[in-house]
Amino acid sequence: MRSVLQEPTNKQMSKLISVALGSILLLGCDSGVKGAGNSGGPPPPPTCDYEEIEFNDTPDSANFVNILPVLGAGNHICGDLFSWGQGIEGDIDTFYFFLNPNLGQETIYFNFVVETEFPVIPVVNLYRTIYNNTGEPTEDYEVLGIFYGDPTSLVVLDFPLEYEDLVSNDVFLELTAASPYPVGTFDYKIDYWNF
């Protein structure tokens, strides 16, 4: 049996094209109703990778965040600082990072940007654990650096963190605000990266 294929007529082609175009247009339309599932693109990325957990006022109660180094920007910590008013010490938030560089690497370059609400002037202290002669951690911490920002921001780039396997393998980032700042709660975001 022999089959013969016939080419579509102009009228049939026109109908086929209009159906195809209509389907494409319908797929690309947004209904305008939130939650309709057809937003026209991927959902926005989350604004924070890590949310602060209170109480984290000291290195002993610090929130563990990540192992350094991490590649690229886009690692965000979010939280809030609160103040009881002038003359009273404000909130302190402390975050802990473990250092695990590539074999043979003795320095990790740490970058971070702090963004706060006005009129907060962010202040960051970087610490590391001090170990005794037997390699056990003491209850003391070495100050690596103290950084003062401008109202609403602080930028630190390529701060060297020296690494030695058993005695220099952590860093604590302590965030507070320069005093005085008014009574209230002020949101912040810290973006950190190494390369």
Protein backbone atom coordinates (compact mmCIF):
# COMPACT_ATOMS: atom_id res chain seq x y z
CA MET A 1 0.00 0.00 0.00
CA ARG A 2 1.34 3.36 -0.97
CA SER A 3 0.62 6.48 1.07
CA VAL A 4 0.63 9.87 -0.41
CA LEU A 5 1.40 12.90 1.76
CA GLN A 6 -0.23 16.06 0.72
CA GLU A 7 1.08 19.50 1.50
CA PRO A 8 -1.23 21.62 3.64
CA THR A 9 -3.20 24.30 1.92
CA ASN A 10 -2.64 28.00 2.65
CA LYS A 11 -5.79 28.05 4.74
CA GLN A 12 -4.60 25.07 6.82
CA MET A 13 -1.13 26.67 7.27
CA SER A 14 -2.67 29.94 8.45
CA LYS A 15 -4.78 28.12 11.01
CA LEU A 16 -1.77 26.09 12.23
CA ILE A 17 0.38 29.23 12.61
CA SER A 18 -2.34 31.15 14.47
CA VAL A 19 -2.87 28.22 16.90
CA ALA A 20 0.90 27.96 17.50
CA LEU A 21 1.27 31.72 18.06
CA GLY A 22 -1.74 31.77 20.37
CA SER A 23 -0.22 28.96 22.44
CA ILE A 24 3.09 30.79 22.70
CA LEU A 25 1.39 34.02 23.75
CA LEU A 26 -0.68 32.25 26.38
CA LEU A 27 2.39 30.61 27.86
CA GLY A 28 4.14 33.97 28.13
CA CYS A 29 1.26 35.89 29.73
CA ASP A 30 1.08 36.69 33.42
CA SER A 31 -2.35 36.47 34.94
CA GLY A 32 -1.55 39.33 37.32
CA VAL A 33 -2.76 37.29 40.28
CA LYS A 34 -0.14 36.68 42.95
CA GLY A 35 0.47 33.03 43.56
CA ALA A 36 -0.94 32.06 40.18
CA GLY A 37 2.26 30.13 39.48
CA ASN A 38 3.03 31.96 36.25
CA SER A 39 5.31 34.81 37.34
CA GLY A 40 7.32 34.93 34.14
CA GLY A 41 10.65 34.00 35.72
CA PRO A 42 12.46 32.18 38.48
CA PRO A 43 11.73 33.15 42.09
CA PRO A 44 14.05 35.77 43.59
CA PRO A 45 17.06 34.39 45.46
CA PRO A 46 16.88 34.35 49.25
CA THR A 47 18.29 37.48 50.85
CA CYS A 48 20.03 35.61 53.69
CA ASP A 49 21.92 32.35 53.89
CA TYR A 50 22.18 32.49 57.67
CA GLU A 51 19.88 34.14 60.21
CA GLU A 52 21.37 35.22 63.53
CA ILE A 53 20.25 33.24 66.58
CA GLU A 54 20.25 34.98 69.97
CA PHE A 55 22.06 34.77 72.39
CA ASN A 56 25.38 35.17 70.65
CA ASP A 57 27.08 37.95 72.61
CA THR A 58 30.42 36.19 73.23
CA PRO A 59 32.77 33.81 71.38
CA ASP A 60 31.55 31.03 73.71
CA SER A 61 27.96 31.55 72.49
CA ALA A 62 28.82 32.47 68.89
CA ASN A 63 26.69 31.23 66.00
CA PHE A 64 28.65 28.84 63.77
CA VAL A 65 28.24 30.12 60.21
CA ASN A 66 30.61 28.44 57.77
CA ILE A 67 33.97 26.89 56.94
CA LEU A 68 36.40 29.27 55.23
CA PRO A 69 37.44 29.74 52.50
CA VAL A 70 34.25 30.21 50.49
CA LEU A 71 34.30 31.16 46.83
CA GLY A 72 32.67 34.35 45.59
CA ALA A 73 30.27 36.82 47.12
CA GLY A 74 26.69 36.00 47.96
CA ASN A 75 27.10 34.53 51.44
CA HIS A 76 24.81 36.59 53.67
CA ILE A 77 24.29 36.73 57.42
CA CYS A 78 21.23 38.66 58.60
CA GLY A 79 20.31 39.80 62.07
CA ASP A 80 19.49 42.78 64.20
CA LEU A 81 21.21 44.95 66.78
CA PHE A 82 19.18 46.48 69.56
CA SER A 83 19.93 49.41 71.83
CA TRP A 84 18.53 50.43 75.19
CA GLY A 85 19.70 54.01 74.78
CA GLN A 86 22.65 56.27 75.46
CA GLY A 87 25.05 55.20 78.19
CA ILE A 88 23.94 51.55 78.10
CA GLU A 89 25.97 49.03 76.12
CA GLY A 90 24.15 47.85 73.00
CA ASP A 91 23.75 44.42 71.47
CA ILE A 92 26.76 42.33 70.41
CA ASP A 93 26.41 39.57 67.81
CA THR A 94 29.23 37.04 67.40
CA PHE A 95 29.71 34.60 64.52
CA TYR A 96 32.17 31.71 64.29
CA PHE A 97 34.03 30.48 61.20
CA PHE A 98 36.32 27.44 61.06
CA LEU A 99 39.37 27.74 58.79
CA ASN A 100 40.14 24.89 56.39
CA PRO A 101 42.39 26.18 53.60
CA ASN A 102 43.85 24.18 50.73
CA LEU A 103 46.89 22.05 51.50
CA GLY A 104 49.95 24.28 51.85
CA GLN A 105 47.92 27.50 52.08
CA GLU A 106 48.93 29.47 55.18
CA THR A 107 46.77 32.58 54.74
CA ILE A 108 43.10 33.05 53.93
CA TYR A 109 42.09 36.54 52.79
CA PHE A 110 38.77 37.46 54.40
CA ASN A 111 36.40 40.03 52.84
CA PHE A 112 33.19 41.30 54.36
CA VAL A 113 30.68 44.12 53.93
CA VAL A 114 28.28 45.13 56.70
CA GLU A 115 25.12 47.08 55.84
CA THR A 116 22.98 48.52 58.65
CA GLU A 117 20.06 50.86 59.07
CA PHE A 118 20.67 54.56 59.69
CA PRO A 119 22.09 55.89 62.06
CA VAL A 120 23.99 52.76 63.14
CA ILE A 121 27.78 52.86 62.66
CA PRO A 122 28.90 49.21 62.50
CA VAL A 123 31.97 48.09 64.43
CA VAL A 124 33.56 44.66 63.83
CA ASN A 125 36.13 42.92 66.02
CA LEU A 126 37.88 39.83 64.66
CA TYR A 127 39.19 37.32 67.23
CA ARG A 128 40.79 33.90 67.24
CA THR A 129 41.09 31.25 69.92
CA ILE A 130 44.32 31.11 71.91
CA TYR A 131 45.60 27.56 72.52
CA ASN A 132 47.93 26.38 75.31
CA ASN A 133 51.17 24.38 74.86
CA THR A 134 49.30 21.08 74.67
CA GLY A 135 46.96 22.29 71.92
CA GLU A 136 43.92 22.76 74.16
CA PRO A 137 41.90 25.96 73.73
CA THR A 138 42.17 28.44 76.57
CA GLU A 139 39.32 30.74 77.47
CA ASP A 140 41.22 33.67 75.96
CA TYR A 141 40.98 35.17 72.50
CA GLU A 142 43.50 37.11 70.42
CA VAL A 143 42.24 40.31 68.78
CA LEU A 144 43.09 40.21 65.07
CA GLY A 145 41.55 43.53 64.09
CA ILE A 146 39.01 46.19 65.01
CA PHE A 147 37.15 48.00 62.21
CA TYR A 148 34.89 51.07 62.36
CA GLY A 149 32.50 51.86 59.53
CA ASP A 150 30.51 54.86 58.42
CA PRO A 151 26.82 55.31 59.15
CA THR A 152 25.11 52.26 57.58
CA SER A 153 28.18 50.48 56.16
CA LEU A 154 31.60 48.93 56.75
CA VAL A 155 33.82 47.38 54.07
CA VAL A 156 36.90 45.24 54.81
CA LEU A 157 38.78 43.67 51.90
CA ASP A 158 41.59 41.09 51.88
CA PHE A 159 42.15 40.92 55.63
CA PRO A 160 44.78 38.18 56.14
CA LEU A 161 43.84 35.29 58.44
CA GLU A 162 46.97 33.28 59.21
CA TYR A 163 46.35 29.55 59.41
CA GLU A 164 48.21 26.90 61.38
CA ASP A 165 46.54 23.51 61.77
CA LEU A 166 46.16 23.14 65.54
CA VAL A 167 46.70 26.67 66.85
CA SER A 168 45.23 29.13 64.32
CA ASN A 169 42.17 27.51 62.80
CA ASP A 170 39.22 29.74 63.61
CA VAL A 171 37.96 33.31 63.47
CA PHE A 172 35.16 35.06 65.35
CA LEU A 173 33.42 38.05 63.81
CA GLU A 174 31.87 40.23 66.51
CA LEU A 175 29.46 42.93 65.32
CA THR A 176 28.30 45.83 67.45
CA ALA A 177 27.63 49.52 66.87
CA ALA A 178 29.47 52.68 67.81
CA SER A 179 27.66 54.39 70.65
CA PRO A 180 25.44 56.30 71.03
CA TYR A 181 22.62 55.19 68.82
CA PRO A 182 18.93 55.57 69.61
CA VAL A 183 16.71 53.09 71.42
CA GLY A 184 15.39 50.49 69.01
CA THR A 185 16.15 47.47 66.85
CA PHE A 186 18.21 47.89 63.68
CA ASP A 187 18.53 45.24 60.94
CA TYR A 188 21.87 44.39 59.35
CA LYS A 189 23.30 42.16 56.64
CA ILE A 190 26.87 40.86 56.38
CA ASP A 191 28.15 39.66 53.01
CA TYR A 192 31.40 37.65 53.26
CA TRP A 193 33.72 35.88 50.84
CA ASN A 194 37.35 34.88 50.31
CA PHE A 195 38.10 35.06 46.58
